């Protein structure tokens, strides 16, 4: 049996509102774990979300514009294209709001 790495734990004091404490208790009960474990899992979850690269949020978009009629200079003139699109959208909304 491999020796388990010794986990050093440090006590910490946290002040919670009654609403936060109720949520912590409810989660601990629903998950069948201690309140401390709920907090540990929450830290791991938040840390994992923040560790993702900013660019990874855009991965689903990569390649989506290739099937559209996309201008070759979109990167350089994106502000102009967005402004034109906003003007078109305003024109449509004015016609529909009458």
N, C-alpha and C. Protein backbone atom coordinates (compact mmCIF):
# COMPACT_ATOMS: atom_id res chain seq x y z
N UNK A 1 0.85 -1.19 0.00
CA UNK A 1 0.00 0.00 0.00
C UNK A 1 0.88 1.24 0.00
N UNK A 2 0.65 2.13 -0.94
CA UNK A 2 1.45 3.35 -1.05
C UNK A 2 1.13 4.27 0.10
N UNK A 3 2.15 4.92 0.60
CA UNK A 3 1.96 5.86 1.70
C UNK A 3 1.22 7.09 1.19
N UNK A 4 0.21 7.49 1.90
CA UNK A 4 -0.55 8.67 1.51
C UNK A 4 0.21 9.91 1.94
N UNK A 5 0.20 10.89 1.08
CA UNK A 5 0.86 12.15 1.42
C UNK A 5 0.15 12.76 2.62
N UNK A 6 0.92 13.20 3.59
CA UNK A 6 0.34 13.80 4.78
C UNK A 6 -0.22 15.17 4.44
N UNK A 7 -1.48 15.34 4.70
CA UNK A 7 -2.14 16.61 4.42
C UNK A 7 -2.08 17.48 5.66
N UNK A 8 -1.45 18.61 5.55
CA UNK A 8 -1.40 19.54 6.66
C UNK A 8 -2.59 20.47 6.53
N UNK A 9 -3.36 20.52 7.57
CA UNK A 9 -4.55 21.38 7.55
C UNK A 9 -4.39 22.48 8.57
N UNK A 10 -4.93 23.60 8.25
CA UNK A 10 -4.82 24.77 9.11
C UNK A 10 -6.22 25.27 9.44
N UNK A 11 -6.51 25.48 10.70
CA UNK A 11 -7.85 26.01 11.04
C UNK A 11 -7.99 27.45 10.58
N UNK A 12 -9.19 27.81 10.22
CA UNK A 12 -9.47 29.18 9.79
C UNK A 12 -10.85 29.56 10.32
N UNK A 13 -11.00 30.80 10.67
CA UNK A 13 -12.27 31.29 11.18
C UNK A 13 -12.92 32.15 10.12
N UNK A 14 -14.18 31.89 9.85
CA UNK A 14 -14.92 32.64 8.83
C UNK A 14 -16.23 33.11 9.44
N UNK A 15 -16.55 34.36 9.21
CA UNK A 15 -17.81 34.90 9.68
C UNK A 15 -18.82 34.84 8.55
N UNK A 16 -19.95 34.21 8.81
CA UNK A 16 -21.00 34.05 7.81
C UNK A 16 -22.27 34.71 8.29
N UNK A 17 -23.05 35.19 7.34
CA UNK A 17 -24.39 35.68 7.68
C UNK A 17 -25.26 34.46 7.95
N UNK A 18 -26.41 34.69 8.51
CA UNK A 18 -27.31 33.57 8.78
C UNK A 18 -27.75 32.89 7.48
N UNK A 19 -27.89 33.66 6.41
CA UNK A 19 -28.26 33.09 5.12
C UNK A 19 -27.14 32.21 4.57
N UNK A 20 -25.90 32.71 4.68
CA UNK A 20 -24.75 31.93 4.21
C UNK A 20 -24.59 30.66 5.02
N UNK A 21 -24.78 30.76 6.34
CA UNK A 21 -24.65 29.58 7.20
C UNK A 21 -25.73 28.55 6.86
N UNK A 22 -26.93 29.01 6.60
CA UNK A 22 -28.02 28.10 6.23
C UNK A 22 -27.70 27.40 4.91
N UNK A 23 -27.15 28.15 3.95
CA UNK A 23 -26.78 27.55 2.67
C UNK A 23 -25.67 26.53 2.85
N UNK A 24 -24.69 26.84 3.69
CA UNK A 24 -23.59 25.92 3.97
C UNK A 24 -24.11 24.65 4.62
N UNK A 25 -24.97 24.79 5.60
CA UNK A 25 -25.56 23.63 6.27
C UNK A 25 -26.38 22.78 5.30
N UNK A 26 -27.17 23.44 4.46
CA UNK A 26 -28.00 22.71 3.50
C UNK A 26 -27.13 21.92 2.52
N UNK A 27 -26.09 22.57 1.99
CA UNK A 27 -25.20 21.87 1.05
C UNK A 27 -24.50 20.70 1.72
N UNK A 28 -24.05 20.90 2.93
CA UNK A 28 -23.37 19.81 3.66
C UNK A 28 -24.33 18.63 3.84
N UNK A 29 -25.56 18.93 4.20
CA UNK A 29 -26.56 17.88 4.40
C UNK A 29 -26.87 17.17 3.08
N UNK A 30 -27.09 17.94 2.00
CA UNK A 30 -27.42 17.36 0.69
C UNK A 30 -26.28 16.52 0.13
N UNK A 31 -25.05 16.97 0.34
CA UNK A 31 -23.89 16.25 -0.20
C UNK A 31 -23.40 15.15 0.73
N UNK A 32 -23.87 15.18 1.96
CA UNK A 32 -23.44 14.17 2.94
C UNK A 32 -21.99 14.34 3.35
N UNK A 33 -21.54 15.60 3.44
CA UNK A 33 -20.17 15.88 3.83
C UNK A 33 -20.18 16.96 4.92
N UNK A 34 -19.02 17.20 5.49
CA UNK A 34 -18.91 18.23 6.52
C UNK A 34 -18.99 19.63 5.89
N UNK A 35 -19.25 20.60 6.74
CA UNK A 35 -19.27 21.99 6.26
C UNK A 35 -17.89 22.37 5.73
N UNK A 36 -16.85 21.90 6.41
CA UNK A 36 -15.48 22.19 5.95
C UNK A 36 -15.25 21.62 4.55
N UNK A 37 -15.78 20.44 4.29
CA UNK A 37 -15.60 19.83 2.97
C UNK A 37 -16.35 20.62 1.89
N UNK A 38 -17.51 21.16 2.24
CA UNK A 38 -18.25 22.00 1.29
C UNK A 38 -17.40 23.21 0.92
N UNK A 39 -16.78 23.84 1.93
CA UNK A 39 -15.94 25.00 1.67
C UNK A 39 -14.72 24.61 0.84
N UNK A 40 -14.11 23.47 1.14
CA UNK A 40 -12.95 23.02 0.35
C UNK A 40 -13.34 22.81 -1.10
N UNK A 41 -14.47 22.14 -1.33
CA UNK A 41 -14.92 21.88 -2.70
C UNK A 41 -15.24 23.19 -3.42
N UNK A 42 -15.82 24.12 -2.69
CA UNK A 42 -16.11 25.42 -3.29
C UNK A 42 -14.83 26.13 -3.72
N UNK A 43 -13.81 26.08 -2.89
CA UNK A 43 -12.53 26.68 -3.24
C UNK A 43 -11.93 26.01 -4.47
N UNK A 44 -11.99 24.69 -4.52
CA UNK A 44 -11.47 23.96 -5.67
C UNK A 44 -12.21 24.34 -6.95
N UNK A 45 -13.52 24.45 -6.84
CA UNK A 45 -14.34 24.79 -8.01
C UNK A 45 -14.02 26.20 -8.51
N UNK A 46 -13.98 27.16 -7.61
CA UNK A 46 -13.68 28.53 -8.01
C UNK A 46 -12.27 28.62 -8.57
N UNK A 47 -11.33 27.96 -7.93
CA UNK A 47 -9.95 27.97 -8.42
C UNK A 47 -9.84 27.36 -9.80
N UNK A 48 -10.57 26.29 -10.05
CA UNK A 48 -10.55 25.66 -11.37
C UNK A 48 -11.14 26.54 -12.44
N UNK A 49 -12.20 27.25 -12.10
CA UNK A 49 -12.82 28.15 -13.07
C UNK A 49 -11.90 29.31 -13.41
N UNK A 50 -11.23 29.84 -12.41
CA UNK A 50 -10.33 30.99 -12.65
C UNK A 50 -9.06 30.56 -13.35
N UNK A 51 -8.68 29.30 -13.19
CA UNK A 51 -7.45 28.82 -13.81
C UNK A 51 -7.59 28.69 -15.32
N UNK A 52 -8.82 28.56 -15.79
CA UNK A 52 -9.01 28.47 -17.24
C UNK A 52 -8.52 29.74 -17.89
N UNK A 53 -7.94 29.61 -19.00
CA UNK A 53 -7.43 30.76 -19.73
C UNK A 53 -8.58 31.62 -20.24
N UNK A 54 -8.33 32.89 -20.34
CA UNK A 54 -9.32 33.81 -20.91
C UNK A 54 -9.71 33.35 -22.31
N UNK A 55 -8.71 32.91 -23.06
CA UNK A 55 -8.95 32.52 -24.44
C UNK A 55 -9.75 31.23 -24.56
N UNK A 56 -9.70 30.37 -23.54
CA UNK A 56 -10.44 29.11 -23.62
C UNK A 56 -11.94 29.35 -23.68
N UNK A 57 -12.39 30.49 -23.18
CA UNK A 57 -13.82 30.81 -23.24
C UNK A 57 -14.28 31.00 -24.68
N UNK A 58 -13.34 31.34 -25.57
CA UNK A 58 -13.68 31.59 -26.96
C UNK A 58 -13.49 30.37 -27.85
N UNK A 59 -12.97 29.27 -27.30
CA UNK A 59 -12.72 28.08 -28.11
C UNK A 59 -13.94 27.60 -28.89
N UNK A 60 -15.14 27.63 -28.30
CA UNK A 60 -16.30 27.19 -29.08
C UNK A 60 -16.58 28.06 -30.31
N UNK A 61 -16.08 29.28 -30.31
CA UNK A 61 -16.33 30.18 -31.43
C UNK A 61 -15.33 30.02 -32.57
N UNK A 62 -14.19 29.41 -32.27
CA UNK A 62 -13.14 29.28 -33.29
C UNK A 62 -13.67 28.51 -34.48
N UNK A 63 -13.55 29.10 -35.64
CA UNK A 63 -13.99 28.45 -36.87
C UNK A 63 -15.45 28.67 -37.22
N UNK A 64 -16.24 29.26 -36.33
CA UNK A 64 -17.66 29.42 -36.64
C UNK A 64 -17.90 30.44 -37.74
N UNK A 65 -17.04 31.45 -37.85
CA UNK A 65 -17.24 32.48 -38.86
C UNK A 65 -16.77 32.03 -40.24
N UNK A 66 -16.07 30.92 -40.31
CA UNK A 66 -15.56 30.49 -41.61
C UNK A 66 -16.68 30.09 -42.57
N UNK A 67 -17.82 29.70 -42.04
CA UNK A 67 -18.92 29.31 -42.92
C UNK A 67 -19.79 30.50 -43.32
N UNK A 68 -19.54 31.65 -42.71
CA UNK A 68 -20.32 32.84 -43.01
C UNK A 68 -19.63 33.66 -44.08
N UNK A 69 -20.33 34.62 -44.60
CA UNK A 69 -19.74 35.54 -45.57
C UNK A 69 -18.98 36.60 -44.78
N UNK A 70 -17.81 36.23 -44.28
CA UNK A 70 -17.02 37.10 -43.41
C UNK A 70 -16.02 37.90 -44.22
N UNK A 71 -15.97 39.21 -44.00
CA UNK A 71 -15.00 40.04 -44.73
C UNK A 71 -13.57 39.65 -44.34
N UNK A 72 -12.65 39.76 -45.26
CA UNK A 72 -11.25 39.43 -45.02
C UNK A 72 -10.58 40.39 -44.04
N UNK A 73 -11.11 41.60 -43.93
CA UNK A 73 -10.49 42.60 -43.07
C UNK A 73 -11.25 42.80 -41.75
N UNK A 74 -11.98 41.80 -41.34
CA UNK A 74 -12.80 41.90 -40.13
C UNK A 74 -11.96 42.25 -38.90
N UNK A 75 -10.79 41.64 -38.76
CA UNK A 75 -9.96 41.92 -37.59
C UNK A 75 -9.53 43.38 -37.53
N UNK A 76 -9.16 43.93 -38.68
CA UNK A 76 -8.69 45.30 -38.71
C UNK A 76 -9.81 46.33 -38.59
N UNK A 77 -10.97 46.02 -39.16
CA UNK A 77 -12.06 47.01 -39.23
C UNK A 77 -13.28 46.59 -38.40
N UNK A 78 -13.05 45.81 -37.35
CA UNK A 78 -14.18 45.28 -36.57
C UNK A 78 -15.09 46.38 -36.02
N UNK A 79 -14.51 47.51 -35.59
CA UNK A 79 -15.34 48.59 -35.05
C UNK A 79 -16.31 49.13 -36.10
N UNK A 80 -15.81 49.28 -37.31
CA UNK A 80 -16.68 49.77 -38.39
C UNK A 80 -17.81 48.79 -38.68
N UNK A 81 -17.47 47.51 -38.74
CA UNK A 81 -18.49 46.50 -39.02
C UNK A 81 -19.53 46.45 -37.89
N UNK A 82 -19.07 46.57 -36.65
CA UNK A 82 -20.02 46.57 -35.53
C UNK A 82 -20.91 47.79 -35.57
N UNK A 83 -20.34 48.94 -35.88
CA UNK A 83 -21.14 50.17 -35.97
C UNK A 83 -22.19 50.05 -37.08
N UNK A 84 -21.79 49.52 -38.23
CA UNK A 84 -22.74 49.32 -39.33
C UNK A 84 -23.86 48.39 -38.91
N UNK A 85 -23.50 47.33 -38.20
CA UNK A 85 -24.50 46.35 -37.76
C UNK A 85 -25.46 46.98 -36.75
N UNK A 86 -24.93 47.81 -35.86
CA UNK A 86 -25.79 48.47 -34.88
C UNK A 86 -26.77 49.41 -35.57
N UNK A 87 -26.29 50.11 -36.58
CA UNK A 87 -27.17 51.01 -37.33
C UNK A 87 -28.29 50.22 -38.01
N UNK A 88 -27.93 49.08 -38.59
CA UNK A 88 -28.95 48.23 -39.23
C UNK A 88 -29.96 47.74 -38.19
N UNK A 89 -29.47 47.35 -37.02
CA UNK A 89 -30.37 46.87 -35.97
C UNK A 89 -31.30 47.99 -35.49
N UNK A 90 -30.78 49.19 -35.35
CA UNK A 90 -31.62 50.32 -34.94
C UNK A 90 -32.70 50.59 -35.97
N UNK A 91 -32.35 50.50 -37.23
CA UNK A 91 -33.32 50.72 -38.29
C UNK A 91 -34.43 49.69 -38.24
N UNK A 92 -34.08 48.43 -37.98
CA UNK A 92 -35.08 47.37 -37.89
C UNK A 92 -35.98 47.60 -36.69
N UNK A 93 -35.40 47.99 -35.53
CA UNK A 93 -36.22 48.15 -34.35
C UNK A 93 -37.16 49.33 -34.46
N UNK A 94 -36.76 50.38 -35.18
CA UNK A 94 -37.64 51.53 -35.38
C UNK A 94 -38.85 51.13 -36.22
N UNK A 95 -38.60 50.31 -37.26
CA UNK A 95 -39.70 49.89 -38.11
C UNK A 95 -40.67 48.99 -37.36
N UNK A 96 -40.14 48.14 -36.45
CA UNK A 96 -41.01 47.22 -35.72
C UNK A 96 -41.73 47.88 -34.56
N UNK A 97 -41.18 48.99 -34.04
CA UNK A 97 -41.80 49.61 -32.85
C UNK A 97 -42.97 50.51 -33.20
N UNK A 98 -43.20 50.84 -34.46
CA UNK A 98 -44.27 51.75 -34.85
C UNK A 98 -45.61 51.08 -34.76
